[in-house]
Amino acid sequence: MSEAKPQDGSTVKGYRELSFGEIGKMNQFKDLSRQFINLLREHVNDVQRTPHDWEAVEWIKQAEFDMKRACMAACRAVARPDDDC
């Protein structure tokens, strides 16, 4: 994942200015998400490519998708964007 440029809240429409604590919390969520996804990707490399193991790979892909969604939801809970965002 690439690093996004810091925002002060005044340049992104629909978002309020975040406190340092809120920014820190969002960064913690993102760091945990990156760690989890990296661990999943390491595990994919450990899985053999037999027909039975392809199901495990599909579950890993689903777990990565779900982690990204969970991180997004947690960040939105902190940022609390406008209802129409």
N, C-alpha and C. Protein backbone atom coordinates (compact mmCIF):
# COMPACT_ATOMS: atom_id res chain seq x y z
N MET A 1 0.83 -1.17 0.00
CA MET A 1 0.00 0.00 0.00
C MET A 1 0.88 1.24 0.00
N SER A 2 0.47 2.23 -0.71
CA SER A 2 1.23 3.46 -0.77
C SER A 2 0.83 4.39 0.37
N GLU A 3 1.75 5.25 0.71
CA GLU A 3 1.48 6.22 1.77
C GLU A 3 0.75 7.42 1.19
N ALA A 4 -0.33 7.80 1.80
CA ALA A 4 -1.09 8.97 1.36
C ALA A 4 -0.49 10.22 1.99
N LYS A 5 -0.62 11.32 1.30
CA LYS A 5 -0.15 12.58 1.85
C LYS A 5 -1.05 13.00 3.01
N PRO A 6 -0.48 13.54 4.08
CA PRO A 6 -1.30 13.98 5.21
C PRO A 6 -2.29 15.07 4.78
N GLN A 7 -3.46 15.00 5.32
CA GLN A 7 -4.49 16.00 5.05
C GLN A 7 -4.77 16.75 6.35
N ASP A 8 -5.06 18.03 6.24
CA ASP A 8 -5.39 18.80 7.44
C ASP A 8 -6.89 18.95 7.63
N GLY A 9 -7.67 18.36 6.74
CA GLY A 9 -9.12 18.43 6.87
C GLY A 9 -9.74 19.58 6.11
N SER A 10 -8.96 20.59 5.82
CA SER A 10 -9.51 21.74 5.13
C SER A 10 -9.50 21.57 3.61
N THR A 11 -8.75 20.60 3.11
CA THR A 11 -8.63 20.42 1.67
C THR A 11 -9.49 19.30 1.12
N VAL A 12 -10.07 18.49 1.97
CA VAL A 12 -10.91 17.38 1.53
C VAL A 12 -12.35 17.71 1.89
N LYS A 13 -13.18 17.87 0.86
CA LYS A 13 -14.57 18.22 1.11
C LYS A 13 -15.29 17.09 1.83
N GLY A 14 -16.15 17.44 2.75
CA GLY A 14 -16.94 16.46 3.47
C GLY A 14 -16.31 15.92 4.74
N TYR A 15 -15.08 16.36 5.03
CA TYR A 15 -14.39 15.89 6.23
C TYR A 15 -14.07 17.07 7.14
N ARG A 16 -14.14 16.83 8.42
CA ARG A 16 -13.79 17.86 9.40
C ARG A 16 -12.31 17.76 9.70
N GLU A 17 -11.77 18.77 10.37
CA GLU A 17 -10.37 18.72 10.78
C GLU A 17 -10.22 17.71 11.90
N LEU A 18 -9.21 16.85 11.79
CA LEU A 18 -9.00 15.80 12.78
C LEU A 18 -7.97 16.24 13.81
N SER A 19 -8.15 15.76 15.04
CA SER A 19 -7.17 16.03 16.09
C SER A 19 -5.95 15.13 15.88
N PHE A 20 -4.86 15.46 16.57
CA PHE A 20 -3.67 14.61 16.49
C PHE A 20 -3.98 13.21 16.99
N GLY A 21 -4.81 13.11 18.03
CA GLY A 21 -5.19 11.79 18.55
C GLY A 21 -5.97 10.98 17.54
N GLU A 22 -6.88 11.63 16.83
CA GLU A 22 -7.67 10.93 15.81
C GLU A 22 -6.80 10.48 14.64
N ILE A 23 -5.88 11.34 14.24
CA ILE A 23 -4.96 10.97 13.16
C ILE A 23 -4.10 9.78 13.61
N GLY A 24 -3.64 9.82 14.85
CA GLY A 24 -2.86 8.71 15.38
C GLY A 24 -3.64 7.41 15.42
N LYS A 25 -4.89 7.49 15.81
CA LYS A 25 -5.74 6.29 15.86
C LYS A 25 -5.94 5.71 14.46
N MET A 26 -6.21 6.57 13.48
CA MET A 26 -6.37 6.09 12.11
C MET A 26 -5.09 5.45 11.61
N ASN A 27 -3.95 6.04 11.93
CA ASN A 27 -2.67 5.45 11.51
C ASN A 27 -2.43 4.11 12.18
N GLN A 28 -2.88 3.95 13.43
CA GLN A 28 -2.77 2.66 14.11
C GLN A 28 -3.62 1.61 13.40
N PHE A 29 -4.85 1.97 13.05
CA PHE A 29 -5.70 1.04 12.30
C PHE A 29 -5.02 0.62 11.00
N LYS A 30 -4.46 1.58 10.29
CA LYS A 30 -3.82 1.30 9.01
C LYS A 30 -2.57 0.44 9.19
N ASP A 31 -1.80 0.70 10.23
CA ASP A 31 -0.61 -0.13 10.49
C ASP A 31 -1.00 -1.57 10.80
N LEU A 32 -2.02 -1.74 11.64
CA LEU A 32 -2.49 -3.09 11.95
C LEU A 32 -2.99 -3.81 10.70
N SER A 33 -3.69 -3.08 9.86
CA SER A 33 -4.20 -3.65 8.62
C SER A 33 -3.04 -4.11 7.73
N ARG A 34 -2.03 -3.26 7.59
CA ARG A 34 -0.86 -3.61 6.77
C ARG A 34 -0.16 -4.85 7.33
N GLN A 35 0.00 -4.91 8.64
CA GLN A 35 0.65 -6.09 9.27
C GLN A 35 -0.14 -7.36 8.99
N PHE A 36 -1.44 -7.28 9.14
CA PHE A 36 -2.31 -8.44 8.92
C PHE A 36 -2.24 -8.90 7.46
N ILE A 37 -2.32 -7.94 6.55
CA ILE A 37 -2.28 -8.27 5.12
C ILE A 37 -0.91 -8.84 4.74
N ASN A 38 0.16 -8.29 5.29
CA ASN A 38 1.49 -8.84 5.02
C ASN A 38 1.60 -10.28 5.50
N LEU A 39 1.04 -10.57 6.68
CA LEU A 39 1.05 -11.94 7.19
C LEU A 39 0.24 -12.87 6.29
N LEU A 40 -0.90 -12.40 5.82
CA LEU A 40 -1.69 -13.20 4.88
C LEU A 40 -0.89 -13.51 3.61
N ARG A 41 -0.22 -12.50 3.08
CA ARG A 41 0.55 -12.68 1.84
C ARG A 41 1.72 -13.63 2.06
N GLU A 42 2.34 -13.58 3.24
CA GLU A 42 3.39 -14.55 3.55
C GLU A 42 2.82 -15.96 3.55
N HIS A 43 1.63 -16.11 4.12
CA HIS A 43 1.01 -17.43 4.19
C HIS A 43 0.66 -17.95 2.79
N VAL A 44 0.24 -17.08 1.89
CA VAL A 44 -0.05 -17.50 0.52
C VAL A 44 1.18 -18.14 -0.10
N ASN A 45 2.34 -17.58 0.18
CA ASN A 45 3.58 -18.13 -0.37
C ASN A 45 3.91 -19.49 0.22
N ASP A 46 3.40 -19.78 1.41
CA ASP A 46 3.66 -21.07 2.06
C ASP A 46 2.71 -22.17 1.58
N VAL A 47 1.58 -21.78 1.02
CA VAL A 47 0.57 -22.75 0.60
C VAL A 47 1.02 -23.41 -0.70
N GLN A 48 0.96 -24.74 -0.71
CA GLN A 48 1.28 -25.49 -1.93
C GLN A 48 0.18 -25.26 -2.95
N ARG A 49 0.48 -25.48 -4.19
CA ARG A 49 -0.49 -25.22 -5.25
C ARG A 49 -1.17 -26.51 -5.72
N THR A 50 -1.66 -27.29 -4.78
CA THR A 50 -2.45 -28.47 -5.13
C THR A 50 -3.91 -28.02 -5.24
N PRO A 51 -4.73 -28.79 -5.92
CA PRO A 51 -6.14 -28.39 -6.05
C PRO A 51 -6.82 -28.12 -4.71
N HIS A 52 -6.48 -28.91 -3.71
CA HIS A 52 -7.09 -28.73 -2.39
C HIS A 52 -6.67 -27.39 -1.78
N ASP A 53 -5.44 -26.98 -2.04
CA ASP A 53 -4.92 -25.75 -1.43
C ASP A 53 -5.42 -24.48 -2.10
N TRP A 54 -5.96 -24.58 -3.31
CA TRP A 54 -6.50 -23.38 -3.96
C TRP A 54 -7.64 -22.78 -3.14
N GLU A 55 -8.37 -23.64 -2.44
CA GLU A 55 -9.45 -23.11 -1.59
C GLU A 55 -8.85 -22.24 -0.48
N ALA A 56 -7.72 -22.66 0.08
CA ALA A 56 -7.06 -21.86 1.12
C ALA A 56 -6.64 -20.51 0.56
N VAL A 57 -6.14 -20.50 -0.66
CA VAL A 57 -5.72 -19.24 -1.28
C VAL A 57 -6.93 -18.32 -1.47
N GLU A 58 -8.06 -18.88 -1.86
CA GLU A 58 -9.27 -18.07 -2.02
C GLU A 58 -9.71 -17.48 -0.68
N TRP A 59 -9.60 -18.24 0.40
CA TRP A 59 -9.95 -17.72 1.72
C TRP A 59 -9.00 -16.60 2.14
N ILE A 60 -7.73 -16.75 1.79
CA ILE A 60 -6.76 -15.70 2.11
C ILE A 60 -7.11 -14.42 1.35
N LYS A 61 -7.46 -14.56 0.07
CA LYS A 61 -7.87 -13.39 -0.71
C LYS A 61 -9.09 -12.72 -0.08
N GLN A 62 -10.04 -13.53 0.38
CA GLN A 62 -11.24 -12.98 1.02
C GLN A 62 -10.87 -12.27 2.32
N ALA A 63 -9.96 -12.86 3.09
CA ALA A 63 -9.52 -12.23 4.34
C ALA A 63 -8.86 -10.89 4.09
N GLU A 64 -8.05 -10.81 3.02
CA GLU A 64 -7.41 -9.53 2.69
C GLU A 64 -8.46 -8.48 2.32
N PHE A 65 -9.41 -8.86 1.50
CA PHE A 65 -10.48 -7.94 1.12
C PHE A 65 -11.25 -7.46 2.35
N ASP A 66 -11.58 -8.40 3.23
CA ASP A 66 -12.33 -8.05 4.44
C ASP A 66 -11.52 -7.15 5.37
N MET A 67 -10.21 -7.37 5.45
CA MET A 67 -9.37 -6.52 6.30
C MET A 67 -9.33 -5.11 5.76
N LYS A 68 -9.22 -4.96 4.44
CA LYS A 68 -9.23 -3.62 3.85
C LYS A 68 -10.54 -2.92 4.13
N ARG A 69 -11.63 -3.65 4.05
CA ARG A 69 -12.95 -3.07 4.33
C ARG A 69 -13.08 -2.70 5.81
N ALA A 70 -12.58 -3.55 6.69
CA ALA A 70 -12.63 -3.26 8.12
C ALA A 70 -11.80 -2.03 8.45
N CYS A 71 -10.64 -1.89 7.84
CA CYS A 71 -9.80 -0.72 8.06
C CYS A 71 -10.51 0.54 7.59
N MET A 72 -11.13 0.46 6.42
CA MET A 72 -11.86 1.61 5.90
C MET A 72 -13.00 2.00 6.85
N ALA A 73 -13.73 1.01 7.35
CA ALA A 73 -14.84 1.28 8.25
C ALA A 73 -14.34 1.91 9.55
N ALA A 74 -13.24 1.39 10.08
CA ALA A 74 -12.68 1.94 11.33
C ALA A 74 -12.23 3.39 11.12
N CYS A 75 -11.59 3.65 9.99
CA CYS A 75 -11.13 5.03 9.71
C CYS A 75 -12.32 5.97 9.53
N ARG A 76 -13.38 5.50 8.89
CA ARG A 76 -14.57 6.33 8.74
C ARG A 76 -15.22 6.59 10.10
N ALA A 77 -15.14 5.61 11.00
CA ALA A 77 -15.70 5.80 12.34
C ALA A 77 -14.95 6.91 13.08
N VAL A 78 -13.66 7.00 12.86
CA VAL A 78 -12.87 8.06 13.49
C VAL A 78 -13.12 9.39 12.79
N ALA A 79 -13.05 9.40 11.46
CA ALA A 79 -13.14 10.64 10.69
C ALA A 79 -14.55 11.21 10.68
N ARG A 80 -15.56 10.35 10.74
CA ARG A 80 -16.96 10.75 10.71
C ARG A 80 -17.24 11.75 9.58
N PRO A 81 -17.07 11.31 8.31
CA PRO A 81 -17.35 12.22 7.20
C PRO A 81 -18.83 12.58 7.13
N ASP A 82 -19.11 13.60 6.33
CA ASP A 82 -20.51 13.99 6.11
C ASP A 82 -21.33 12.80 5.64
N ASP A 83 -22.63 12.84 5.88
CA ASP A 83 -23.50 11.73 5.50
C ASP A 83 -23.52 11.46 4.01
N ASP A 84 -23.23 12.46 3.20
CA ASP A 84 -23.31 12.26 1.75
C ASP A 84 -21.96 11.91 1.13
N CYS A 85 -20.97 11.55 1.95
CA CYS A 85 -19.65 11.15 1.42
C CYS A 85 -19.57 9.66 1.26
